[in-house]
Amino acid sequence: MGHPTAPHPTALAAGHPATMLGLGAYRPRRTVTNDEVCEYLEVDADWVHARSGIRARRFAEPDETVVAMASAAARDALAAAGVGAGDVAATLVATMSSDTACPQVATRVAHEIGAVHGPAMDLGAACAGFCYALELAGAMVGAGHGVVLVVGVERMTDIVDRTDRSTAFLFGDGAGAAVVGSAATPGIGPVAWGADGGQAELIVQSPSFIEHARGVDDRMPALRMQGPAVFRWATTVMPPLAQQALDQAGMKAEQLDAFVPHQANARITDGLVRALGLPEHVAVARDVETTGNTSAASVPLAMHALLESGGARPGDHALLLGFGAGLTFASQVVSLPPSS
């Protein structure tokens, strides 16, 4: 099994502390219940809820593209931050379900919202993508590059086989975004992160597009997962990573106001809460129940839901934790921003 890397020094320069200035979200219009998903799986809705904690998820309609959803979430985040699109110095989009290899999602989002005065790029780190991008954005702000827009967006329904009982009931679509800028005090703590390509086969898109195009395998190139092994990895390796992020931030679990893990599975979240010994006053994001697993959009959507519900407030200290295909993983303590 892979293990978290050694502590990574924060990239935030002393003269330019970074924080999230605003948070936005986009949830597709269509809500899909377990009963509907189960029509293709030969299982019942209670089985799905027992295994995952999920009761519903959102499926994007044809017009709700990755660019459209990312742009909507980005506009929300900019409004919450009180920042104009023309003031965005860079746009980072974390996704594993881009509709094309090129052009990238980020360049089209930047054009769509008018953030055209700086670079734009996609970042592929699956379910850890938003946490990865947040660290890069903090580093850019710390280096004096100005305001950075970070978006996590997925149309997982494009890459999931609806008849696959290991994945079909887990995933949904959506987008979350954050505006990162300078602040008087740091609002993004040092990241604890890493990758373990030695276990890449646990979550993999198979067959590859090349294998499919060449007729080697006529199945849909879809996300396939070894669920039990992923569960063991997440509940074994992620608690030490999260503890490392706390240690690097100089905080203890009881000083947290909120915990926002990747919304992979309610049972994984429960295991993480127990392993970290989180006290009852710490609000735990459980957006998975109505949103499902949205990969790179998961952490920002869960943050947004927690803030909108009143479970947490702007300025609260939250521990973020992303983990997934690659295998990739990242965690950091942040100060929660205002939401749209």
Protein backbone atom coordinates (compact mmCIF):
# COMPACT_ATOMS: atom_id res chain seq x y z
CA MET A 1 0.00 0.00 0.00
CA GLY A 2 1.16 3.55 -0.69
CA HIS A 3 1.75 5.95 2.14
CA PRO A 4 1.65 9.76 2.36
CA THR A 5 4.79 11.57 1.39
CA ALA A 6 7.01 13.44 3.83
CA PRO A 7 5.77 16.88 4.91
CA HIS A 8 5.80 19.33 2.05
CA PRO A 9 6.72 22.92 2.90
CA THR A 10 4.05 25.46 2.15
CA ALA A 11 4.56 27.39 -1.05
CA LEU A 12 2.96 30.54 0.31
CA ALA A 13 5.39 33.44 0.35
CA ALA A 14 5.43 35.42 3.58
CA GLY A 15 4.60 38.64 1.74
CA HIS A 16 1.59 37.20 -0.09
CA PRO A 17 -0.49 34.93 2.16
CA ALA A 18 -3.29 33.24 0.17
CA THR A 19 -6.89 32.47 1.04
CA MET A 20 -10.14 31.55 -0.66
CA LEU A 21 -12.08 34.76 -1.26
CA GLY A 22 -15.30 33.19 -2.53
CA LEU A 23 -16.94 29.85 -3.33
CA GLY A 24 -19.45 28.90 -6.02
CA ALA A 25 -21.29 25.81 -7.19
CA TYR A 26 -23.37 24.40 -10.01
CA ARG A 27 -25.61 21.35 -9.61
CA PRO A 28 -27.31 19.95 -12.71
CA ARG A 29 -31.09 20.32 -12.95
CA ARG A 30 -31.94 16.62 -13.07
CA THR A 31 -32.08 14.65 -9.81
CA VAL A 32 -31.71 10.87 -10.23
CA THR A 33 -32.88 8.58 -7.43
CA ASN A 34 -31.55 5.16 -6.50
CA ASP A 35 -34.69 3.59 -7.96
CA GLU A 36 -33.84 4.99 -11.39
CA VAL A 37 -30.17 3.95 -11.23
CA CYS A 38 -31.12 0.45 -10.09
CA GLU A 39 -33.15 -0.21 -13.22
CA TYR A 40 -29.87 -1.20 -14.91
CA LEU A 41 -28.12 -2.89 -11.99
CA GLU A 42 -30.35 -5.76 -10.76
CA VAL A 43 -30.14 -4.45 -7.20
CA ASP A 44 -32.59 -2.42 -5.12
CA ALA A 45 -32.42 1.13 -3.79
CA ASP A 46 -31.89 0.01 -0.19
CA TRP A 47 -28.81 -1.98 -1.26
CA VAL A 48 -27.32 1.12 -2.88
CA HIS A 49 -27.97 3.29 0.18
CA ALA A 50 -26.53 0.67 2.54
CA ARG A 51 -23.33 0.38 0.52
CA SER A 52 -22.77 4.06 -0.19
CA GLY A 53 -25.02 6.34 1.85
CA ILE A 54 -26.30 7.78 -1.43
CA ARG A 55 -30.01 8.43 -2.00
CA ALA A 56 -29.77 10.61 -5.12
CA ARG A 57 -27.32 12.31 -7.46
CA ARG A 58 -27.45 14.88 -10.28
CA PHE A 59 -27.10 13.92 -13.95
CA ALA A 60 -26.22 16.64 -16.45
CA GLU A 61 -28.46 17.25 -19.45
CA PRO A 62 -26.90 17.69 -22.93
CA ASP A 63 -26.66 21.48 -22.54
CA GLU A 64 -24.95 21.15 -19.13
CA THR A 65 -21.48 20.55 -20.55
CA VAL A 66 -18.29 20.59 -18.50
CA VAL A 67 -17.62 24.09 -19.81
CA ALA A 68 -21.16 25.33 -19.06
CA MET A 69 -21.18 23.90 -15.52
CA ALA A 70 -17.64 25.10 -14.76
CA SER A 71 -18.46 28.58 -16.06
CA ALA A 72 -21.62 28.80 -13.93
CA ALA A 73 -19.74 27.76 -10.77
CA ALA A 74 -16.93 30.19 -11.60
CA ARG A 75 -19.34 33.11 -11.98
CA ASP A 76 -20.88 32.22 -8.61
CA ALA A 77 -17.47 32.14 -6.95
CA LEU A 78 -16.46 35.48 -8.47
CA ALA A 79 -19.70 37.05 -7.26
CA ALA A 80 -19.17 35.68 -3.75
CA ALA A 81 -15.62 37.05 -3.76
CA GLY A 82 -16.59 40.41 -5.22
CA VAL A 83 -13.96 39.94 -7.94
CA GLY A 84 -14.42 40.72 -11.63
CA ALA A 85 -13.52 38.14 -14.25
CA GLY A 86 -11.13 40.63 -15.81
CA ASP A 87 -9.09 40.59 -12.61
CA VAL A 88 -8.43 36.83 -12.75
CA ALA A 89 -4.73 36.22 -13.38
CA ALA A 90 -5.01 32.48 -14.07
CA THR A 91 -7.69 29.82 -14.44
CA LEU A 92 -7.14 26.25 -13.23
CA VAL A 93 -9.71 23.55 -13.96
CA ALA A 94 -9.49 20.15 -12.28
CA THR A 95 -11.35 17.43 -14.19
CA MET A 96 -11.11 13.81 -15.31
CA SER A 97 -14.09 13.94 -17.67
CA SER A 98 -13.14 16.59 -20.22
CA ASP A 99 -15.18 16.30 -23.41
CA THR A 100 -12.05 16.73 -25.54
CA ALA A 101 -8.31 16.30 -25.09
CA CYS A 102 -7.96 19.70 -26.73
CA PRO A 103 -8.92 22.42 -26.46
CA GLN A 104 -8.74 22.20 -22.70
CA VAL A 105 -11.75 22.96 -20.53
CA ALA A 106 -9.93 25.79 -18.74
CA THR A 107 -9.26 27.83 -21.87
CA ARG A 108 -12.92 27.67 -22.87
CA VAL A 109 -14.13 28.52 -19.36
CA ALA A 110 -11.78 31.51 -19.18
CA HIS A 111 -13.12 32.75 -22.51
CA GLU A 112 -16.74 32.11 -21.51
CA ILE A 113 -16.54 34.16 -18.31
CA GLY A 114 -14.15 36.84 -19.60
CA ALA A 115 -11.05 35.83 -17.62
CA VAL A 116 -8.86 36.38 -20.65
CA HIS A 117 -5.86 38.22 -19.18
CA GLY A 118 -3.83 35.23 -18.02
CA PRO A 119 -3.05 31.56 -18.57
CA ALA A 120 -5.60 28.76 -18.33
CA MET A 121 -4.91 25.06 -17.92
CA ASP A 122 -6.53 21.75 -16.96
CA LEU A 123 -5.25 19.65 -14.08
CA GLY A 124 -5.87 15.91 -14.03
CA ALA A 125 -5.71 14.45 -10.54
CA ALA A 126 -9.18 12.87 -10.36
CA CYS A 127 -10.88 13.16 -6.96
CA ALA A 128 -7.88 14.94 -5.43
CA GLY A 129 -7.89 17.47 -8.28
CA PHE A 130 -9.45 20.40 -6.43
CA CYS A 131 -7.06 20.06 -3.47
CA TYR A 132 -4.10 19.79 -5.85
CA ALA A 133 -5.26 22.88 -7.75
CA LEU A 134 -5.86 24.80 -4.52
CA GLU A 135 -2.23 24.27 -3.52
CA LEU A 136 -1.01 25.43 -6.94
CA ALA A 137 -3.27 28.48 -6.79
CA GLY A 138 -1.93 29.36 -3.33
CA ALA A 139 1.60 29.07 -4.62
CA MET A 140 0.81 31.35 -7.56
CA VAL A 141 -0.77 33.95 -5.29
CA GLY A 142 2.20 33.63 -2.94
CA ALA A 143 4.53 34.34 -5.83
CA GLY A 144 2.66 37.54 -6.61
CA HIS A 145 0.63 36.45 -9.64
CA GLY A 146 -2.66 37.89 -8.40
CA VAL A 147 -6.09 36.28 -8.22
CA VAL A 148 -6.43 32.65 -9.34
CA LEU A 149 -9.69 30.91 -10.21
CA VAL A 150 -9.89 27.20 -9.29
CA VAL A 151 -12.68 25.01 -10.65
CA GLY A 152 -13.47 21.33 -10.11
CA VAL A 153 -15.94 20.01 -12.69
CA GLU A 154 -17.11 16.59 -13.82
CA ARG A 155 -19.61 14.89 -16.10
CA MET A 156 -18.98 11.46 -14.63
CA THR A 157 -22.04 10.13 -16.44
CA ASP A 158 -20.00 10.39 -19.66
CA ILE A 159 -17.38 7.92 -18.41
CA VAL A 160 -19.40 5.51 -16.26
CA ASP A 161 -21.06 2.34 -17.56
CA ARG A 162 -24.61 2.46 -16.20
CA THR A 163 -24.70 -1.35 -15.95
CA ASP A 164 -21.51 -1.61 -13.84
CA ARG A 165 -22.49 -2.40 -10.24
CA SER A 166 -19.11 -1.23 -8.91
CA THR A 167 -19.47 2.34 -10.19
CA ALA A 168 -22.85 3.24 -11.74
CA PHE A 169 -24.69 4.11 -8.52
CA LEU A 170 -21.80 6.11 -7.04
CA PHE A 171 -21.20 8.94 -9.47
CA GLY A 172 -22.89 12.19 -10.37
CA ASP A 173 -22.17 15.44 -12.21
CA GLY A 174 -21.53 19.01 -11.10
CA ALA A 175 -19.02 21.82 -10.59
CA GLY A 176 -17.56 23.81 -7.72
CA ALA A 177 -15.21 26.80 -7.85
CA ALA A 178 -13.12 28.98 -5.58
CA VAL A 179 -11.43 32.33 -6.07
CA VAL A 180 -7.98 32.42 -4.44
CA GLY A 181 -6.28 35.70 -3.63
CA SER A 182 -4.03 37.45 -1.16
CA ALA A 183 -5.01 38.14 2.44
CA ALA A 184 -3.58 39.63 5.60
CA THR A 185 -3.17 36.15 7.07
CA PRO A 186 -2.89 32.75 5.35
CA GLY A 187 -6.20 30.98 4.77
CA ILE A 188 -4.76 27.94 2.99
CA GLY A 189 -2.52 25.75 5.11
CA PRO A 190 0.48 23.68 4.01
CA VAL A 191 -0.56 20.76 1.84
CA ALA A 192 0.09 17.09 2.61
CA TRP A 193 -0.09 15.29 -0.71
CA GLY A 194 1.28 12.55 -2.93
CA ALA A 195 0.56 9.88 -5.50
CA ASP A 196 0.85 6.11 -5.73
CA GLY A 197 0.92 4.98 -9.34
CA GLY A 198 1.77 1.47 -8.18
CA GLN A 199 -1.92 1.04 -7.38
CA ALA A 200 -3.32 2.79 -10.44
CA GLU A 201 -5.25 -0.34 -11.41
CA LEU A 202 -7.62 0.10 -8.47
CA ILE A 203 -9.49 2.87 -10.33
CA VAL A 204 -8.96 2.86 -14.08
CA GLN A 205 -10.67 3.81 -17.32
CA SER A 206 -10.82 0.61 -19.32
CA PRO A 207 -10.48 -0.15 -22.15
CA SER A 208 -8.33 2.77 -23.25
CA PHE A 209 -9.60 4.95 -26.07
CA ILE A 210 -6.84 3.55 -28.29
CA GLU A 211 -7.80 -0.05 -27.51
CA HIS A 212 -11.41 0.78 -28.25
CA ALA A 213 -10.62 2.62 -31.51
CA ARG A 214 -8.44 -0.25 -32.75
CA GLY A 215 -11.12 -2.83 -32.02
CA VAL A 216 -9.09 -4.58 -29.33
CA ASP A 217 -12.02 -4.19 -26.91
CA ASP A 218 -15.49 -3.11 -28.02
CA ARG A 219 -16.69 -2.20 -24.54
CA MET A 220 -17.34 1.45 -23.71
CA PRO A 221 -14.16 3.07 -22.31
CA ALA A 222 -15.52 3.50 -18.79
CA LEU A 223 -14.35 4.02 -15.23
CA ARG A 224 -13.88 0.69 -13.46
CA MET A 225 -13.06 0.27 -9.80
CA GLN A 226 -12.01 -2.37 -7.32
CA GLY A 227 -14.33 -1.13 -4.60
CA PRO A 228 -13.23 -3.20 -1.57
CA ALA A 229 -9.54 -2.47 -2.21
CA VAL A 230 -10.24 1.26 -2.62
CA PHE A 231 -12.20 1.24 0.65
CA ARG A 232 -9.30 -0.40 2.51
CA TRP A 233 -6.80 2.03 0.99
CA ALA A 234 -8.86 5.12 1.79
CA THR A 235 -9.60 4.15 5.39
CA THR A 236 -6.01 3.04 6.05
CA VAL A 237 -3.83 5.60 4.24
CA MET A 238 -5.96 8.75 4.35
CA PRO A 239 -6.16 9.23 8.16
CA PRO A 240 -2.36 9.63 8.49
CA LEU A 241 -2.39 12.04 5.53
CA ALA A 242 -5.12 14.14 7.13
CA GLN A 243 -3.25 14.10 10.44
CA GLN A 244 -0.14 15.27 8.61
CA ALA A 245 -2.07 18.24 7.21
CA LEU A 246 -3.26 19.10 10.72
CA ASP A 247 0.27 18.84 12.11
CA GLN A 248 1.68 21.05 9.36
CA ALA A 249 -1.00 23.64 10.09
CA GLY A 250 -0.16 23.49 13.81
CA MET A 251 -3.70 22.38 14.67
CA LYS A 252 -5.38 19.59 16.58
CA ALA A 253 -8.59 17.84 15.57
CA GLU A 254 -10.53 19.50 18.36
CA GLN A 255 -9.62 22.94 17.00
CA LEU A 256 -11.39 22.27 13.72
CA ASP A 257 -14.82 23.61 12.91
CA ALA A 258 -15.45 21.39 9.89
CA PHE A 259 -14.20 18.34 8.01
CA VAL A 260 -14.73 18.21 4.24
CA PRO A 261 -13.53 14.89 2.81
CA HIS A 262 -13.97 13.77 -0.78
CA GLN A 263 -17.54 12.52 -1.05
CA ALA A 264 -16.67 9.02 -2.18
CA ASN A 265 -18.84 6.95 0.11
CA ALA A 266 -20.56 7.57 3.45
CA ARG A 267 -18.90 4.53 4.99
CA ILE A 268 -15.45 5.88 4.08
CA THR A 269 -16.35 9.24 5.64
CA ASP A 270 -17.51 7.50 8.82
CA GLY A 271 -14.24 5.56 8.98
CA LEU A 272 -12.19 8.73 8.55
CA VAL A 273 -14.11 10.55 11.29
CA ARG A 274 -13.47 7.67 13.70
CA ALA A 275 -9.80 7.33 12.77
CA LEU A 276 -9.17 11.06 13.26
CA GLY A 277 -11.08 11.12 16.53
CA LEU A 278 -13.10 14.17 15.49
CA PRO A 279 -15.22 15.56 18.33
CA GLU A 280 -18.96 16.04 17.89
CA HIS A 281 -18.72 19.81 17.42
CA VAL A 282 -16.83 19.36 14.12
CA ALA A 283 -19.32 19.64 11.25
CA VAL A 284 -18.78 16.82 8.74
CA ALA A 285 -19.70 17.34 5.08
CA ARG A 286 -22.08 14.61 3.91
CA ASP A 287 -23.07 15.94 0.50
CA VAL A 288 -22.68 12.43 -0.94
CA GLU A 289 -26.22 11.58 0.17
CA THR A 290 -27.85 13.82 -2.43
CA THR A 291 -25.01 14.55 -4.86
CA GLY A 292 -23.07 11.30 -5.11
CA ASN A 293 -19.38 11.16 -5.97
CA THR A 294 -18.50 14.03 -8.30
CA SER A 295 -14.74 13.43 -8.34
CA ALA A 296 -12.87 16.76 -8.73
CA ALA A 297 -16.08 18.71 -8.01
CA SER A 298 -16.70 16.78 -4.79
CA VAL A 299 -14.74 18.85 -2.25
CA PRO A 300 -15.89 22.33 -3.39
CA LEU A 301 -19.51 21.16 -3.74
CA ALA A 302 -19.38 19.66 -0.25
CA MET A 303 -17.87 22.87 1.16
CA HIS A 304 -20.59 24.88 -0.54
CA ALA A 305 -23.37 22.63 0.79
CA LEU A 306 -22.00 22.83 4.33
CA LEU A 307 -21.90 26.63 4.20
CA GLU A 308 -25.34 26.96 2.61
CA SER A 309 -26.90 24.65 5.21
CA GLY A 310 -25.43 26.67 8.08
CA GLY A 311 -23.38 23.71 9.26
CA ALA A 312 -20.28 25.90 8.91
CA ARG A 313 -19.64 29.61 8.51
CA PRO A 314 -17.16 31.75 6.55
CA GLY A 315 -13.93 32.00 8.53
CA ASP A 316 -14.32 28.55 10.10
CA HIS A 317 -11.29 26.27 10.00
CA ALA A 318 -11.93 23.20 7.83
CA LEU A 319 -9.81 20.18 7.00
CA LEU A 320 -10.07 19.27 3.30
CA LEU A 321 -9.19 15.79 2.05
CA GLY A 322 -9.21 14.60 -1.55
CA PHE A 323 -8.29 11.12 -2.78
CA GLY A 324 -8.93 8.93 -5.78
CA ALA A 325 -7.80 7.57 -9.14
CA GLY A 326 -4.12 7.70 -9.87
CA LEU A 327 -3.90 7.07 -6.99
CA THR A 328 -3.74 10.72 -5.91
CA PHE A 329 -4.30 12.27 -2.50
CA ALA A 330 -4.06 15.71 -0.86
CA SER A 331 -5.15 17.43 2.34
CA GLN A 332 -4.93 20.92 3.78
CA VAL A 333 -6.52 23.07 6.47
CA VAL A 334 -8.32 26.12 5.11
CA SER A 335 -10.37 29.07 6.27
CA LEU A 336 -13.82 28.72 4.72
CA PRO A 337 -14.78 31.54 2.33
CA PRO A 338 -18.11 33.26 1.69
CA SER A 339 -20.33 31.28 -0.67
CA SER A 340 -22.70 32.39 -3.40
